[in-house]
Amino acid sequence: MEECTFEEGMAELEATVRALEGGQLSLNDSFAAYKRGAELYQKLKAMLDEGEARITVLTQNGEAEIERPEQ
């Protein structure tokens, strides 16, 4: 998958799911769409996992809330 934002990837994944659920794709197009959807899912999951790891580091033990500056 080329570089894209999480939001762009989610939009493409949602469109892919809608196309598959619509039942208008040929069998070969359905296979290609399913493969693309699986690739997108893996990429988006990796992005979320990376974000979770970064938050864990930022919060020291992974359970504390990130302190917000006083306004």
N, C-alpha and C. Protein backbone atom coordinates (compact mmCIF):
# COMPACT_ATOMS: atom_id res chain seq x y z
N MET A 1 0.85 -1.17 0.00
CA MET A 1 0.00 0.00 0.00
C MET A 1 0.89 1.23 0.00
N GLU A 2 0.62 2.14 -0.90
CA GLU A 2 1.37 3.38 -0.93
C GLU A 2 1.10 4.17 0.35
N GLU A 3 1.96 5.14 0.61
CA GLU A 3 1.80 5.93 1.82
C GLU A 3 0.50 6.74 1.76
N CYS A 4 -0.26 6.69 2.82
CA CYS A 4 -1.47 7.48 2.94
C CYS A 4 -1.74 7.68 4.42
N THR A 5 -2.64 8.57 4.72
CA THR A 5 -2.99 8.78 6.11
C THR A 5 -3.93 7.67 6.57
N PHE A 6 -4.10 7.57 7.87
CA PHE A 6 -5.03 6.58 8.41
C PHE A 6 -6.43 6.84 7.88
N GLU A 7 -6.82 8.11 7.85
CA GLU A 7 -8.16 8.48 7.40
C GLU A 7 -8.38 8.11 5.94
N GLU A 8 -7.37 8.34 5.11
CA GLU A 8 -7.49 7.98 3.69
C GLU A 8 -7.61 6.46 3.53
N GLY A 9 -6.83 5.73 4.30
CA GLY A 9 -6.89 4.27 4.26
C GLY A 9 -8.24 3.74 4.71
N MET A 10 -8.78 4.34 5.77
CA MET A 10 -10.09 3.92 6.26
C MET A 10 -11.17 4.20 5.22
N ALA A 11 -11.10 5.35 4.57
CA ALA A 11 -12.08 5.69 3.54
C ALA A 11 -12.03 4.68 2.40
N GLU A 12 -10.81 4.31 2.00
CA GLU A 12 -10.67 3.33 0.92
C GLU A 12 -11.18 1.97 1.36
N LEU A 13 -10.87 1.57 2.58
CA LEU A 13 -11.34 0.29 3.09
C LEU A 13 -12.86 0.25 3.15
N GLU A 14 -13.47 1.33 3.63
CA GLU A 14 -14.93 1.40 3.69
C GLU A 14 -15.55 1.31 2.30
N ALA A 15 -14.94 1.99 1.32
CA ALA A 15 -15.44 1.93 -0.05
C ALA A 15 -15.30 0.51 -0.61
N THR A 16 -14.21 -0.15 -0.27
CA THR A 16 -13.98 -1.52 -0.74
C THR A 16 -15.03 -2.46 -0.15
N VAL A 17 -15.31 -2.30 1.13
CA VAL A 17 -16.33 -3.14 1.78
C VAL A 17 -17.69 -2.89 1.14
N ARG A 18 -18.04 -1.62 0.90
CA ARG A 18 -19.33 -1.32 0.26
C ARG A 18 -19.42 -1.97 -1.12
N ALA A 19 -18.32 -1.92 -1.87
CA ALA A 19 -18.32 -2.53 -3.21
C ALA A 19 -18.52 -4.03 -3.12
N LEU A 20 -17.86 -4.66 -2.16
CA LEU A 20 -18.02 -6.11 -1.99
C LEU A 20 -19.43 -6.46 -1.54
N GLU A 21 -19.98 -5.68 -0.63
CA GLU A 21 -21.33 -5.94 -0.13
C GLU A 21 -22.39 -5.65 -1.18
N GLY A 22 -22.06 -4.76 -2.12
CA GLY A 22 -23.03 -4.40 -3.15
C GLY A 22 -23.35 -5.52 -4.12
N GLY A 23 -22.44 -6.46 -4.25
CA GLY A 23 -22.69 -7.61 -5.10
C GLY A 23 -22.64 -7.33 -6.59
N GLN A 24 -22.11 -6.19 -6.99
CA GLN A 24 -22.07 -5.84 -8.41
C GLN A 24 -20.74 -6.15 -9.06
N LEU A 25 -19.75 -6.59 -8.29
CA LEU A 25 -18.42 -6.88 -8.83
C LEU A 25 -18.40 -8.28 -9.45
N SER A 26 -17.59 -8.43 -10.50
CA SER A 26 -17.37 -9.76 -11.05
C SER A 26 -16.60 -10.59 -10.03
N LEU A 27 -16.52 -11.88 -10.26
CA LEU A 27 -15.80 -12.75 -9.32
C LEU A 27 -14.34 -12.33 -9.21
N ASN A 28 -13.68 -12.10 -10.35
CA ASN A 28 -12.28 -11.69 -10.31
C ASN A 28 -12.11 -10.34 -9.64
N ASP A 29 -13.00 -9.40 -9.90
CA ASP A 29 -12.94 -8.09 -9.24
C ASP A 29 -13.18 -8.22 -7.74
N SER A 30 -14.05 -9.15 -7.36
CA SER A 30 -14.30 -9.40 -5.93
C SER A 30 -13.05 -9.93 -5.25
N PHE A 31 -12.36 -10.85 -5.91
CA PHE A 31 -11.11 -11.37 -5.35
C PHE A 31 -10.08 -10.25 -5.18
N ALA A 32 -9.95 -9.41 -6.20
CA ALA A 32 -8.99 -8.30 -6.14
C ALA A 32 -9.37 -7.31 -5.05
N ALA A 33 -10.66 -7.02 -4.92
CA ALA A 33 -11.12 -6.09 -3.89
C ALA A 33 -10.88 -6.67 -2.50
N TYR A 34 -11.15 -7.97 -2.34
CA TYR A 34 -10.92 -8.61 -1.05
C TYR A 34 -9.44 -8.56 -0.68
N LYS A 35 -8.57 -8.84 -1.65
CA LYS A 35 -7.13 -8.80 -1.41
C LYS A 35 -6.72 -7.39 -0.99
N ARG A 36 -7.21 -6.37 -1.70
CA ARG A 36 -6.88 -4.98 -1.38
C ARG A 36 -7.39 -4.64 0.02
N GLY A 37 -8.60 -5.07 0.34
CA GLY A 37 -9.15 -4.81 1.66
C GLY A 37 -8.32 -5.45 2.76
N ALA A 38 -7.85 -6.66 2.53
CA ALA A 38 -7.00 -7.34 3.52
C ALA A 38 -5.69 -6.59 3.70
N GLU A 39 -5.11 -6.10 2.60
CA GLU A 39 -3.87 -5.33 2.69
C GLU A 39 -4.11 -4.03 3.47
N LEU A 40 -5.20 -3.35 3.16
CA LEU A 40 -5.52 -2.11 3.87
C LEU A 40 -5.72 -2.38 5.35
N TYR A 41 -6.44 -3.43 5.68
CA TYR A 41 -6.69 -3.78 7.08
C TYR A 41 -5.37 -3.97 7.83
N GLN A 42 -4.44 -4.71 7.24
CA GLN A 42 -3.16 -4.96 7.89
C GLN A 42 -2.38 -3.67 8.08
N LYS A 43 -2.37 -2.80 7.07
CA LYS A 43 -1.65 -1.53 7.16
C LYS A 43 -2.27 -0.65 8.23
N LEU A 44 -3.59 -0.55 8.26
CA LEU A 44 -4.27 0.29 9.24
C LEU A 44 -4.08 -0.25 10.66
N LYS A 45 -4.11 -1.56 10.80
CA LYS A 45 -3.88 -2.18 12.11
C LYS A 45 -2.48 -1.86 12.60
N ALA A 46 -1.50 -1.93 11.69
CA ALA A 46 -0.11 -1.61 12.06
C ALA A 46 -0.01 -0.15 12.49
N MET A 47 -0.71 0.74 11.81
CA MET A 47 -0.69 2.16 12.19
C MET A 47 -1.28 2.35 13.59
N LEU A 48 -2.39 1.67 13.88
CA LEU A 48 -2.99 1.77 15.20
C LEU A 48 -2.08 1.18 16.27
N ASP A 49 -1.47 0.04 15.98
CA ASP A 49 -0.55 -0.59 16.94
C ASP A 49 0.63 0.34 17.24
N GLU A 50 1.16 0.99 16.20
CA GLU A 50 2.26 1.92 16.39
C GLU A 50 1.82 3.11 17.25
N GLY A 51 0.63 3.61 17.00
CA GLY A 51 0.11 4.72 17.80
C GLY A 51 -0.07 4.32 19.25
N GLU A 52 -0.57 3.12 19.47
CA GLU A 52 -0.76 2.64 20.84
C GLU A 52 0.59 2.53 21.56
N ALA A 53 1.60 2.05 20.85
CA ALA A 53 2.93 1.93 21.45
C ALA A 53 3.49 3.30 21.80
N ARG A 54 3.27 4.27 20.94
CA ARG A 54 3.75 5.62 21.22
C ARG A 54 3.06 6.21 22.44
N ILE A 55 1.76 5.97 22.58
CA ILE A 55 1.02 6.47 23.74
C ILE A 55 1.51 5.80 25.01
N THR A 56 1.79 4.50 24.92
CA THR A 56 2.30 3.77 26.09
C THR A 56 3.61 4.39 26.56
N VAL A 57 4.49 4.70 25.63
CA VAL A 57 5.76 5.33 25.99
C VAL A 57 5.51 6.69 26.63
N LEU A 58 4.60 7.45 26.06
CA LEU A 58 4.32 8.80 26.57
C LEU A 58 3.71 8.79 27.96
N THR A 59 2.99 7.76 28.29
CA THR A 59 2.30 7.71 29.58
C THR A 59 3.05 6.87 30.61
N GLN A 60 4.26 6.53 30.35
CA GLN A 60 5.16 5.80 31.23
C GLN A 60 4.72 4.37 31.50
N ASN A 61 3.54 4.15 31.99
CA ASN A 61 3.13 2.78 32.28
C ASN A 61 1.93 2.33 31.45
N GLY A 62 1.49 3.15 30.53
CA GLY A 62 0.41 2.76 29.65
C GLY A 62 -0.98 2.91 30.23
N GLU A 63 -1.09 3.30 31.49
CA GLU A 63 -2.40 3.43 32.11
C GLU A 63 -2.68 4.84 32.58
N ALA A 64 -1.66 5.62 32.81
CA ALA A 64 -1.86 6.99 33.29
C ALA A 64 -2.40 7.86 32.17
N GLU A 65 -3.19 8.84 32.52
CA GLU A 65 -3.68 9.77 31.53
C GLU A 65 -2.61 10.78 31.19
N ILE A 66 -2.60 11.21 29.97
CA ILE A 66 -1.67 12.28 29.58
C ILE A 66 -2.18 13.56 30.20
N GLU A 67 -1.32 14.22 30.94
CA GLU A 67 -1.72 15.44 31.61
C GLU A 67 -1.93 16.55 30.61
N ARG A 68 -3.01 17.30 30.80
CA ARG A 68 -3.32 18.42 29.93
C ARG A 68 -2.85 19.70 30.58
N PRO A 69 -2.28 20.60 29.81
CA PRO A 69 -1.83 21.86 30.39
C PRO A 69 -3.00 22.67 30.94
N GLU A 70 -2.74 23.38 32.02
CA GLU A 70 -3.75 24.26 32.62
C GLU A 70 -4.06 25.38 31.65
N GLN A 71 -5.31 25.78 31.57
CA GLN A 71 -5.68 26.88 30.68
C GLN A 71 -5.99 28.12 31.45
